[in-house]
N, C-alpha and C. Protein backbone atom coordinates (compact mmCIF):
# COMPACT_ATOMS: atom_id res chain seq x y z
N MET A 1 0.84 -1.18 0.00
CA MET A 1 0.00 0.00 0.00
C MET A 1 0.88 1.25 0.00
N ASN A 2 0.62 2.17 -0.91
CA ASN A 2 1.41 3.40 -1.03
C ASN A 2 0.68 4.52 -0.31
N GLU A 3 1.09 4.80 0.90
CA GLU A 3 0.46 5.82 1.74
C GLU A 3 1.07 7.19 1.42
N LYS A 4 0.20 8.16 1.08
CA LYS A 4 0.68 9.51 0.82
C LYS A 4 0.91 10.24 2.14
N LYS A 5 2.05 10.90 2.26
CA LYS A 5 2.40 11.61 3.49
C LYS A 5 1.76 13.00 3.51
N VAL A 6 1.41 13.43 4.70
CA VAL A 6 0.91 14.78 4.92
C VAL A 6 2.14 15.66 5.20
N THR A 7 2.26 16.73 4.45
CA THR A 7 3.40 17.63 4.61
C THR A 7 3.05 18.74 5.59
N ILE A 8 3.94 18.92 6.58
CA ILE A 8 3.74 19.98 7.58
C ILE A 8 4.94 20.93 7.55
N GLY A 9 4.70 22.16 7.99
CA GLY A 9 5.75 23.17 8.02
C GLY A 9 6.41 23.28 9.37
N LYS A 10 7.65 23.70 9.33
CA LYS A 10 8.47 23.89 10.53
C LYS A 10 9.27 25.18 10.35
N ILE A 11 9.21 26.07 11.32
CA ILE A 11 10.01 27.29 11.26
C ILE A 11 11.47 26.91 11.47
N SER A 12 12.34 27.46 10.65
CA SER A 12 13.74 27.04 10.62
C SER A 12 14.66 27.80 11.58
N TYR A 13 14.13 28.62 12.46
CA TYR A 13 14.98 29.39 13.36
C TYR A 13 15.39 28.59 14.59
N ILE A 14 16.58 28.89 15.13
CA ILE A 14 17.10 28.14 16.26
C ILE A 14 16.23 28.26 17.51
N ASN A 15 15.57 29.39 17.70
CA ASN A 15 14.74 29.53 18.90
C ASN A 15 13.45 28.72 18.82
N ASP A 16 13.14 28.14 17.68
CA ASP A 16 11.99 27.26 17.54
C ASP A 16 12.36 25.79 17.69
N ALA A 17 13.64 25.50 17.84
CA ALA A 17 14.09 24.11 17.97
C ALA A 17 13.39 23.35 19.09
N PRO A 18 13.15 23.95 20.27
CA PRO A 18 12.46 23.18 21.32
C PRO A 18 11.06 22.71 20.92
N VAL A 19 10.36 23.49 20.10
CA VAL A 19 9.02 23.12 19.66
C VAL A 19 9.06 21.81 18.86
N TYR A 20 10.10 21.63 18.09
CA TYR A 20 10.20 20.50 17.17
C TYR A 20 11.14 19.39 17.65
N PHE A 21 11.68 19.52 18.84
CA PHE A 21 12.71 18.59 19.30
C PHE A 21 12.28 17.12 19.17
N GLY A 22 11.12 16.78 19.67
CA GLY A 22 10.65 15.40 19.60
C GLY A 22 10.49 14.91 18.17
N LEU A 23 9.88 15.74 17.33
CA LEU A 23 9.69 15.36 15.94
C LEU A 23 11.02 15.21 15.20
N ASP A 24 11.98 16.05 15.56
CA ASP A 24 13.31 15.98 14.93
C ASP A 24 14.13 14.79 15.42
N HIS A 25 13.72 14.21 16.54
CA HIS A 25 14.51 13.13 17.14
C HIS A 25 13.72 11.83 17.26
N GLY A 26 13.08 11.46 16.18
CA GLY A 26 12.48 10.13 16.09
C GLY A 26 10.99 10.02 16.35
N LEU A 27 10.32 11.09 16.73
CA LEU A 27 8.89 11.00 17.03
C LEU A 27 7.99 11.46 15.89
N LEU A 28 8.55 11.76 14.74
CA LEU A 28 7.75 12.15 13.58
C LEU A 28 7.08 10.90 13.02
N PRO A 29 5.75 10.84 13.03
CA PRO A 29 5.07 9.66 12.50
C PRO A 29 5.41 9.44 11.02
N SER A 30 5.38 8.21 10.59
CA SER A 30 5.76 7.88 9.22
C SER A 30 4.83 8.51 8.18
N TRP A 31 3.63 8.89 8.57
CA TRP A 31 2.68 9.47 7.63
C TRP A 31 2.84 11.00 7.49
N LEU A 32 3.82 11.57 8.23
CA LEU A 32 4.10 13.00 8.11
C LEU A 32 5.45 13.25 7.46
N LYS A 33 5.51 14.33 6.68
CA LYS A 33 6.76 14.82 6.11
C LYS A 33 6.90 16.27 6.58
N MET A 34 8.05 16.64 7.12
CA MET A 34 8.25 17.98 7.65
C MET A 34 9.15 18.79 6.71
N VAL A 35 8.71 20.02 6.42
CA VAL A 35 9.45 20.94 5.57
C VAL A 35 9.85 22.14 6.43
N SER A 36 11.12 22.47 6.44
CA SER A 36 11.65 23.55 7.27
C SER A 36 11.93 24.78 6.41
N ASP A 37 11.45 25.96 6.88
CA ASP A 37 11.73 27.20 6.15
C ASP A 37 11.42 28.40 7.04
N VAL A 38 11.67 29.58 6.51
CA VAL A 38 11.38 30.83 7.24
C VAL A 38 9.88 31.11 7.16
N PRO A 39 9.35 31.91 8.11
CA PRO A 39 7.90 32.14 8.16
C PRO A 39 7.27 32.62 6.85
N ALA A 40 7.87 33.57 6.17
CA ALA A 40 7.27 34.10 4.95
C ALA A 40 7.12 33.02 3.88
N VAL A 41 8.08 32.11 3.79
CA VAL A 41 8.00 31.02 2.81
C VAL A 41 6.94 30.01 3.23
N LEU A 42 6.87 29.70 4.53
CA LEU A 42 5.83 28.78 5.01
C LEU A 42 4.44 29.36 4.73
N ASN A 43 4.29 30.68 4.90
CA ASN A 43 3.01 31.33 4.59
C ASN A 43 2.58 31.01 3.16
N GLN A 44 3.48 31.18 2.22
CA GLN A 44 3.14 30.94 0.81
C GLN A 44 2.90 29.47 0.52
N LYS A 45 3.67 28.61 1.16
CA LYS A 45 3.50 27.17 0.93
C LYS A 45 2.14 26.68 1.43
N ILE A 46 1.67 27.22 2.54
CA ILE A 46 0.35 26.80 3.02
C ILE A 46 -0.74 27.40 2.13
N LYS A 47 -0.54 28.62 1.67
CA LYS A 47 -1.52 29.26 0.79
C LYS A 47 -1.63 28.51 -0.54
N ASN A 48 -0.49 28.03 -1.04
CA ASN A 48 -0.46 27.30 -2.31
C ASN A 48 -0.80 25.82 -2.18
N GLY A 49 -1.05 25.36 -0.95
CA GLY A 49 -1.41 23.96 -0.75
C GLY A 49 -0.24 23.00 -0.75
N GLN A 50 0.98 23.52 -0.70
CA GLN A 50 2.17 22.66 -0.69
C GLN A 50 2.37 21.98 0.66
N ILE A 51 1.85 22.61 1.73
CA ILE A 51 1.87 22.01 3.06
C ILE A 51 0.46 22.14 3.63
N LYS A 52 0.13 21.23 4.54
CA LYS A 52 -1.23 21.19 5.08
C LYS A 52 -1.36 21.80 6.47
N ILE A 53 -0.35 21.64 7.29
CA ILE A 53 -0.34 22.18 8.66
C ILE A 53 0.99 22.89 8.85
N SER A 54 0.92 24.10 9.40
CA SER A 54 2.15 24.85 9.58
C SER A 54 1.93 26.04 10.49
N PRO A 55 2.98 26.46 11.18
CA PRO A 55 2.89 27.78 11.78
C PRO A 55 2.92 28.80 10.65
N VAL A 56 2.10 29.82 10.77
CA VAL A 56 2.10 30.92 9.81
C VAL A 56 2.19 32.22 10.59
N SER A 57 2.68 33.24 9.96
CA SER A 57 2.76 34.55 10.60
C SER A 57 1.37 34.99 11.04
N ALA A 58 1.29 35.59 12.22
CA ALA A 58 0.00 36.06 12.72
C ALA A 58 -0.63 37.06 11.75
N ALA A 59 0.18 37.92 11.16
CA ALA A 59 -0.34 38.88 10.18
C ALA A 59 -0.88 38.16 8.94
N PHE A 60 -0.18 37.12 8.50
CA PHE A 60 -0.64 36.34 7.35
C PHE A 60 -1.99 35.68 7.67
N TYR A 61 -2.09 35.11 8.87
CA TYR A 61 -3.36 34.51 9.26
C TYR A 61 -4.47 35.56 9.23
N ALA A 62 -4.22 36.72 9.82
CA ALA A 62 -5.25 37.77 9.87
C ALA A 62 -5.71 38.15 8.46
N MET A 63 -4.80 38.20 7.51
CA MET A 63 -5.15 38.57 6.14
C MET A 63 -5.83 37.44 5.37
N ASN A 64 -5.71 36.21 5.87
CA ASN A 64 -6.25 35.04 5.16
C ASN A 64 -7.14 34.18 6.05
N HIS A 65 -7.70 34.74 7.11
CA HIS A 65 -8.44 33.97 8.11
C HIS A 65 -9.63 33.22 7.52
N GLY A 66 -10.22 33.73 6.45
CA GLY A 66 -11.37 33.06 5.83
C GLY A 66 -11.01 31.77 5.13
N GLU A 67 -9.74 31.60 4.79
CA GLU A 67 -9.29 30.41 4.05
C GLU A 67 -8.54 29.41 4.93
N LEU A 68 -8.23 29.79 6.18
CA LEU A 68 -7.40 28.95 7.03
C LEU A 68 -8.16 28.53 8.29
N LEU A 69 -7.84 27.36 8.79
CA LEU A 69 -8.39 26.89 10.06
C LEU A 69 -7.34 27.09 11.14
N LEU A 70 -7.69 27.85 12.15
CA LEU A 70 -6.78 28.17 13.24
C LEU A 70 -6.85 27.08 14.30
N LEU A 71 -5.70 26.53 14.69
CA LEU A 71 -5.66 25.58 15.80
C LEU A 71 -5.66 26.39 17.09
N PRO A 72 -6.57 26.11 18.03
CA PRO A 72 -6.69 26.94 19.23
C PRO A 72 -5.54 26.74 20.21
N ASP A 73 -5.26 27.80 20.95
CA ASP A 73 -4.31 27.77 22.07
C ASP A 73 -2.91 27.34 21.68
N LEU A 74 -2.49 27.67 20.47
CA LEU A 74 -1.16 27.30 20.01
C LEU A 74 -0.58 28.48 19.23
N SER A 75 0.48 29.07 19.76
CA SER A 75 1.10 30.21 19.09
C SER A 75 2.55 30.32 19.51
N ILE A 76 3.28 31.11 18.76
CA ILE A 76 4.60 31.57 19.18
C ILE A 76 4.39 33.03 19.55
N SER A 77 4.54 33.32 20.84
CA SER A 77 4.23 34.67 21.32
C SER A 77 5.07 34.98 22.55
N CYS A 78 5.04 36.23 22.97
CA CYS A 78 5.79 36.62 24.16
C CYS A 78 5.08 37.75 24.86
N ASN A 79 5.39 37.89 26.13
CA ASN A 79 4.90 39.02 26.94
C ASN A 79 6.11 39.85 27.37
N GLY A 80 6.82 40.38 26.43
CA GLY A 80 7.99 41.18 26.75
C GLY A 80 9.19 40.81 25.91
N ARG A 81 10.35 41.01 26.47
CA ARG A 81 11.63 40.84 25.78
C ARG A 81 11.81 39.42 25.24
N VAL A 82 12.24 39.36 23.96
CA VAL A 82 12.46 38.06 23.33
C VAL A 82 13.78 38.03 22.55
N MET A 83 14.24 39.15 22.05
CA MET A 83 15.51 39.34 21.33
C MET A 83 15.62 38.59 20.01
N SER A 84 14.56 37.99 19.54
CA SER A 84 14.60 37.36 18.22
C SER A 84 13.89 38.23 17.18
N VAL A 85 13.35 39.35 17.60
CA VAL A 85 12.74 40.32 16.69
C VAL A 85 13.15 41.70 17.20
N ILE A 86 14.11 42.29 16.50
CA ILE A 86 14.63 43.59 16.97
C ILE A 86 14.63 44.62 15.84
N LEU A 87 14.56 45.86 16.25
CA LEU A 87 14.79 46.97 15.34
C LEU A 87 16.17 47.52 15.70
N ALA A 88 17.14 47.24 14.84
CA ALA A 88 18.50 47.77 15.02
C ALA A 88 18.51 49.14 14.34
N SER A 89 18.86 50.17 15.09
CA SER A 89 18.67 51.52 14.57
C SER A 89 19.79 52.46 14.99
N ASN A 90 20.06 53.43 14.11
CA ASN A 90 20.99 54.50 14.44
C ASN A 90 20.29 55.64 15.16
N TYR A 91 18.96 55.55 15.29
CA TYR A 91 18.15 56.60 15.90
C TYR A 91 17.15 55.98 16.88
N ALA A 92 16.73 56.77 17.84
CA ALA A 92 15.61 56.35 18.70
C ALA A 92 14.39 56.16 17.81
N ILE A 93 13.49 55.31 18.19
CA ILE A 93 12.34 54.98 17.33
C ILE A 93 11.51 56.22 16.98
N ASP A 94 11.37 57.15 17.90
CA ASP A 94 10.61 58.37 17.64
C ASP A 94 11.32 59.33 16.68
N ASP A 95 12.60 59.10 16.42
CA ASP A 95 13.37 59.97 15.54
C ASP A 95 13.57 59.37 14.14
N LEU A 96 12.81 58.33 13.80
CA LEU A 96 12.96 57.68 12.49
C LEU A 96 12.02 58.24 11.42
N ASP A 97 11.31 59.30 11.72
CA ASP A 97 10.41 59.92 10.73
C ASP A 97 11.22 60.35 9.51
N GLY A 98 10.82 59.87 8.33
CA GLY A 98 11.51 60.21 7.09
C GLY A 98 12.80 59.45 6.86
N LYS A 99 13.19 58.61 7.79
CA LYS A 99 14.43 57.83 7.67
C LYS A 99 14.14 56.48 7.02
N LYS A 100 15.18 55.86 6.48
CA LYS A 100 15.04 54.59 5.78
C LYS A 100 15.10 53.41 6.75
N VAL A 101 14.03 52.59 6.73
CA VAL A 101 13.93 51.40 7.57
C VAL A 101 13.76 50.20 6.65
N MET A 102 14.65 49.21 6.78
CA MET A 102 14.58 48.02 5.94
C MET A 102 13.98 46.85 6.72
N PHE A 103 13.08 46.13 6.06
CA PHE A 103 12.47 44.93 6.62
C PHE A 103 13.12 43.71 6.00
N SER A 104 13.24 42.67 6.78
CA SER A 104 13.69 41.37 6.30
C SER A 104 12.64 40.80 5.35
N GLN A 105 13.08 40.06 4.36
CA GLN A 105 12.16 39.38 3.45
C GLN A 105 11.50 38.18 4.13
N GLU A 106 11.98 37.80 5.30
CA GLU A 106 11.50 36.62 6.01
C GLU A 106 10.28 36.91 6.88
N SER A 107 9.96 38.17 7.10
CA SER A 107 8.96 38.55 8.09
C SER A 107 7.66 39.02 7.47
N ALA A 108 6.57 38.68 8.14
CA ALA A 108 5.27 39.25 7.82
C ALA A 108 4.70 39.90 9.07
N SER A 109 4.61 39.13 10.15
CA SER A 109 4.03 39.65 11.40
C SER A 109 4.86 40.78 11.99
N ALA A 110 6.17 40.58 12.09
CA ALA A 110 7.01 41.61 12.71
C ALA A 110 6.94 42.91 11.91
N ALA A 111 6.93 42.81 10.60
CA ALA A 111 6.83 44.01 9.77
C ALA A 111 5.49 44.71 10.00
N ALA A 112 4.41 43.94 10.08
CA ALA A 112 3.09 44.53 10.32
C ALA A 112 3.03 45.17 11.71
N PHE A 113 3.57 44.48 12.72
CA PHE A 113 3.59 45.04 14.07
C PHE A 113 4.41 46.33 14.10
N LEU A 114 5.57 46.33 13.45
CA LEU A 114 6.40 47.53 13.45
C LEU A 114 5.70 48.69 12.76
N LYS A 115 5.03 48.43 11.67
CA LYS A 115 4.26 49.48 10.99
C LYS A 115 3.17 50.04 11.90
N MET A 116 2.51 49.15 12.65
CA MET A 116 1.48 49.62 13.60
C MET A 116 2.10 50.47 14.70
N ILE A 117 3.27 50.05 15.19
CA ILE A 117 3.96 50.81 16.23
C ILE A 117 4.32 52.20 15.71
N PHE A 118 4.88 52.27 14.50
CA PHE A 118 5.22 53.57 13.93
C PHE A 118 3.96 54.43 13.75
N CYS A 119 2.90 53.84 13.27
CA CYS A 119 1.66 54.58 13.05
C CYS A 119 1.12 55.13 14.37
N LYS A 120 1.13 54.29 15.39
CA LYS A 120 0.63 54.72 16.71
C LYS A 120 1.48 55.86 17.27
N LYS A 121 2.78 55.83 16.99
CA LYS A 121 3.69 56.88 17.46
C LYS A 121 3.70 58.10 16.53
N LYS A 122 2.97 58.00 15.40
CA LYS A 122 2.94 59.06 14.38
C LYS A 122 4.33 59.35 13.83
N VAL A 123 5.05 58.26 13.57
CA VAL A 123 6.39 58.30 12.96
C VAL A 123 6.25 57.62 11.61
N PHE A 124 6.73 58.28 10.55
CA PHE A 124 6.52 57.77 9.20
C PHE A 124 7.84 57.63 8.45
N PRO A 125 8.52 56.50 8.66
CA PRO A 125 9.77 56.25 7.94
C PRO A 125 9.51 55.82 6.50
N ILE A 126 10.58 55.69 5.75
CA ILE A 126 10.53 55.15 4.39
C ILE A 126 10.88 53.67 4.51
N PHE A 127 9.95 52.80 4.10
CA PHE A 127 10.14 51.36 4.24
C PHE A 127 10.71 50.75 2.97
N GLU A 128 11.63 49.82 3.16
CA GLU A 128 12.18 49.02 2.06
C GLU A 128 12.23 47.58 2.52
N VAL A 129 12.15 46.64 1.58
CA VAL A 129 12.32 45.23 1.88
C VAL A 129 13.60 44.78 1.23
N GLY A 130 14.43 44.06 1.98
CA GLY A 130 15.69 43.61 1.43
C GLY A 130 16.45 42.74 2.41
N PRO A 131 17.63 42.34 2.02
CA PRO A 131 18.44 41.48 2.90
C PRO A 131 19.01 42.27 4.06
N VAL A 132 18.85 41.75 5.26
CA VAL A 132 19.35 42.44 6.45
C VAL A 132 20.27 41.55 7.26
N ASN A 133 20.85 40.55 6.63
CA ASN A 133 21.63 39.57 7.38
C ASN A 133 23.07 39.99 7.67
N ASN A 134 23.59 41.03 7.03
CA ASN A 134 24.97 41.44 7.26
C ASN A 134 25.00 42.65 8.18
N TYR A 135 25.16 42.39 9.46
CA TYR A 135 25.09 43.45 10.46
C TYR A 135 26.21 44.48 10.30
N GLN A 136 27.33 44.10 9.67
CA GLN A 136 28.45 45.02 9.54
C GLN A 136 28.28 45.99 8.38
N GLN A 137 27.47 45.64 7.38
CA GLN A 137 27.32 46.49 6.20
C GLN A 137 25.98 47.22 6.12
N ILE A 138 24.96 46.67 6.73
CA ILE A 138 23.61 47.23 6.56
C ILE A 138 23.52 48.67 7.04
N SER A 139 24.27 49.04 8.07
CA SER A 139 24.18 50.40 8.59
C SER A 139 24.69 51.44 7.59
N ASN A 140 25.40 51.00 6.56
CA ASN A 140 25.85 51.92 5.51
C ASN A 140 24.73 52.28 4.55
N PHE A 141 23.63 51.50 4.54
CA PHE A 141 22.57 51.67 3.54
C PHE A 141 21.24 52.14 4.12
N VAL A 142 21.01 51.87 5.41
CA VAL A 142 19.74 52.21 6.02
C VAL A 142 19.96 52.84 7.39
N ASP A 143 18.92 53.48 7.88
CA ASP A 143 18.97 54.08 9.22
C ASP A 143 18.56 53.09 10.30
N ALA A 144 17.75 52.09 9.91
CA ALA A 144 17.30 51.06 10.83
C ALA A 144 16.93 49.82 10.05
N ALA A 145 16.99 48.68 10.72
CA ALA A 145 16.64 47.41 10.08
C ALA A 145 15.86 46.55 11.05
N LEU A 146 14.76 45.98 10.56
CA LEU A 146 14.00 45.00 11.32
C LEU A 146 14.67 43.65 11.09
N VAL A 147 15.14 43.04 12.15
CA VAL A 147 15.91 41.80 12.05
C VAL A 147 15.20 40.73 12.89
N ILE A 148 15.02 39.54 12.29
CA ILE A 148 14.29 38.49 13.00
C ILE A 148 15.05 37.18 12.98
N GLY A 149 14.62 36.28 13.85
CA GLY A 149 15.12 34.90 13.85
C GLY A 149 16.59 34.80 14.16
N ASP A 150 17.23 33.84 13.49
CA ASP A 150 18.65 33.57 13.74
C ASP A 150 19.51 34.80 13.52
N THR A 151 19.18 35.60 12.52
CA THR A 151 19.96 36.80 12.22
C THR A 151 19.95 37.74 13.43
N ALA A 152 18.83 37.87 14.10
CA ALA A 152 18.75 38.72 15.29
C ALA A 152 19.48 38.10 16.47
N LEU A 153 19.40 36.79 16.60
CA LEU A 153 19.93 36.11 17.78
C LEU A 153 21.43 35.91 17.77
N ILE A 154 22.03 35.71 16.61
CA ILE A 154 23.45 35.31 16.60
C ILE A 154 24.43 36.42 16.24
N HIS A 155 23.95 37.56 15.77
CA HIS A 155 24.87 38.64 15.39
C HIS A 155 24.84 39.77 16.42
N PRO A 156 25.96 40.43 16.64
CA PRO A 156 26.04 41.52 17.63
C PRO A 156 25.57 42.86 17.04
N TRP A 157 24.27 42.99 16.85
CA TRP A 157 23.71 44.20 16.25
C TRP A 157 24.03 45.44 17.09
N ASP A 158 24.15 45.25 18.39
CA ASP A 158 24.43 46.40 19.27
C ASP A 158 25.84 46.95 19.09
N GLN A 159 26.70 46.24 18.37
CA GLN A 159 28.04 46.75 18.09
C GLN A 159 28.06 47.64 16.85
N THR A 160 27.01 47.57 16.04
CA THR A 160 26.94 48.35 14.81
C THR A 160 25.92 49.49 14.91
N PHE A 161 24.84 49.24 15.62
CA PHE A 161 23.77 50.22 15.75
C PHE A 161 23.69 50.73 17.18
N GLU A 162 23.32 51.99 17.32
CA GLU A 162 23.22 52.60 18.65
C GLU A 162 22.06 52.01 19.46
N TYR A 163 20.97 51.66 18.79
CA TYR A 163 19.79 51.13 19.46
C TYR A 163 19.46 49.74 18.94
N CYS A 164 19.11 48.84 19.84
CA CYS A 164 18.56 47.53 19.50
C CYS A 164 17.27 47.40 20.29
N ILE A 165 16.17 47.67 19.63
CA ILE A 165 14.87 47.73 20.28
C ILE A 165 14.17 46.40 20.11
N ASP A 166 13.88 45.74 21.21
CA ASP A 166 13.17 44.47 21.19
C ASP A 166 11.69 44.74 20.95
N LEU A 167 11.15 44.25 19.84
CA LEU A 167 9.76 44.57 19.51
C LEU A 167 8.77 43.89 20.44
N GLY A 168 9.11 42.72 20.95
CA GLY A 168 8.24 42.07 21.92
C GLY A 168 8.06 42.94 23.15
N GLN A 169 9.16 43.48 23.64
CA GLN A 169 9.13 44.35 24.82
C GLN A 169 8.41 45.66 24.52
N LEU A 170 8.73 46.27 23.38
CA LEU A 170 8.11 47.54 23.01
C LEU A 170 6.59 47.38 22.85
N TRP A 171 6.17 46.31 22.17
CA TRP A 171 4.74 46.06 21.95
C TRP A 171 4.03 45.89 23.30
N TYR A 172 4.64 45.12 24.20
CA TYR A 172 4.03 44.88 25.51
C TYR A 172 3.93 46.19 26.31
N GLU A 173 4.98 46.99 26.28
CA GLU A 173 4.95 48.28 26.99
C GLU A 173 3.87 49.20 26.45
N MET A 174 3.65 49.16 25.14
CA MET A 174 2.67 50.04 24.52
C MET A 174 1.24 49.55 24.71
N THR A 175 1.03 48.23 24.73
CA THR A 175 -0.33 47.68 24.69
C THR A 175 -0.72 46.83 25.89
N GLN A 176 0.28 46.35 26.65
CA GLN A 176 0.05 45.37 27.71
C GLN A 176 -0.52 44.07 27.15
N LEU A 177 -0.28 43.81 25.88
CA LEU A 177 -0.74 42.59 25.20
C LEU A 177 0.47 41.80 24.70
N PRO A 178 0.30 40.49 24.53
CA PRO A 178 1.41 39.69 23.99
C PRO A 178 1.65 40.02 22.52
N PHE A 179 2.89 39.85 22.11
CA PHE A 179 3.28 39.95 20.70
C PHE A 179 3.13 38.54 20.14
N VAL A 180 2.20 38.33 19.24
CA VAL A 180 1.95 37.01 18.65
C VAL A 180 2.66 36.98 17.30
N PHE A 181 3.69 36.17 17.22
CA PHE A 181 4.47 36.07 15.99
C PHE A 181 3.82 35.12 14.99
N ALA A 182 3.42 33.95 15.48
CA ALA A 182 2.90 32.91 14.59
C ALA A 182 1.81 32.10 15.27
N VAL A 183 0.93 31.55 14.45
CA VAL A 183 -0.14 30.66 14.90
C VAL A 183 -0.14 29.43 14.00
N TRP A 184 -0.79 28.37 14.46
CA TRP A 184 -0.92 27.17 13.62
C TRP A 184 -2.34 27.07 13.11
């Protein structure tokens, strides 16, 4: 009998490793196939039907809630400092009006949250999407960069930029609500 496997998504960042530890170490049922990628790619793969179950960016879910089934009580979220989603900046956040802010191509939720934060603060930077993985060179091209996942966790952004603003902490201080990065 040729059993077709159900393909599921897995976020490829190191801080998500505990979520998948059991599945990565022998507990993945034979009827499942796991695909690892960054959140923005997983969003598209679930939308295109390439995977059936996956964490997706909270912003992606909100924009596509009519087409997706949300699994209850399961999210990647925080109530404060997390350091895996930061705004590395040469300026205080309130001083970025008219300045160039680059978003990672890997993010959907963090970019949406940051845009809401800027809007609430009445700060209107110029947004660009591009590669933000080289912490030593990016400050030559932009005034601030939204950095997520492994890139935020393993590089010393505070050695290149004057400010490293944790968006989980900033969001919680502004709203007293959790920052929800992803849902299943």
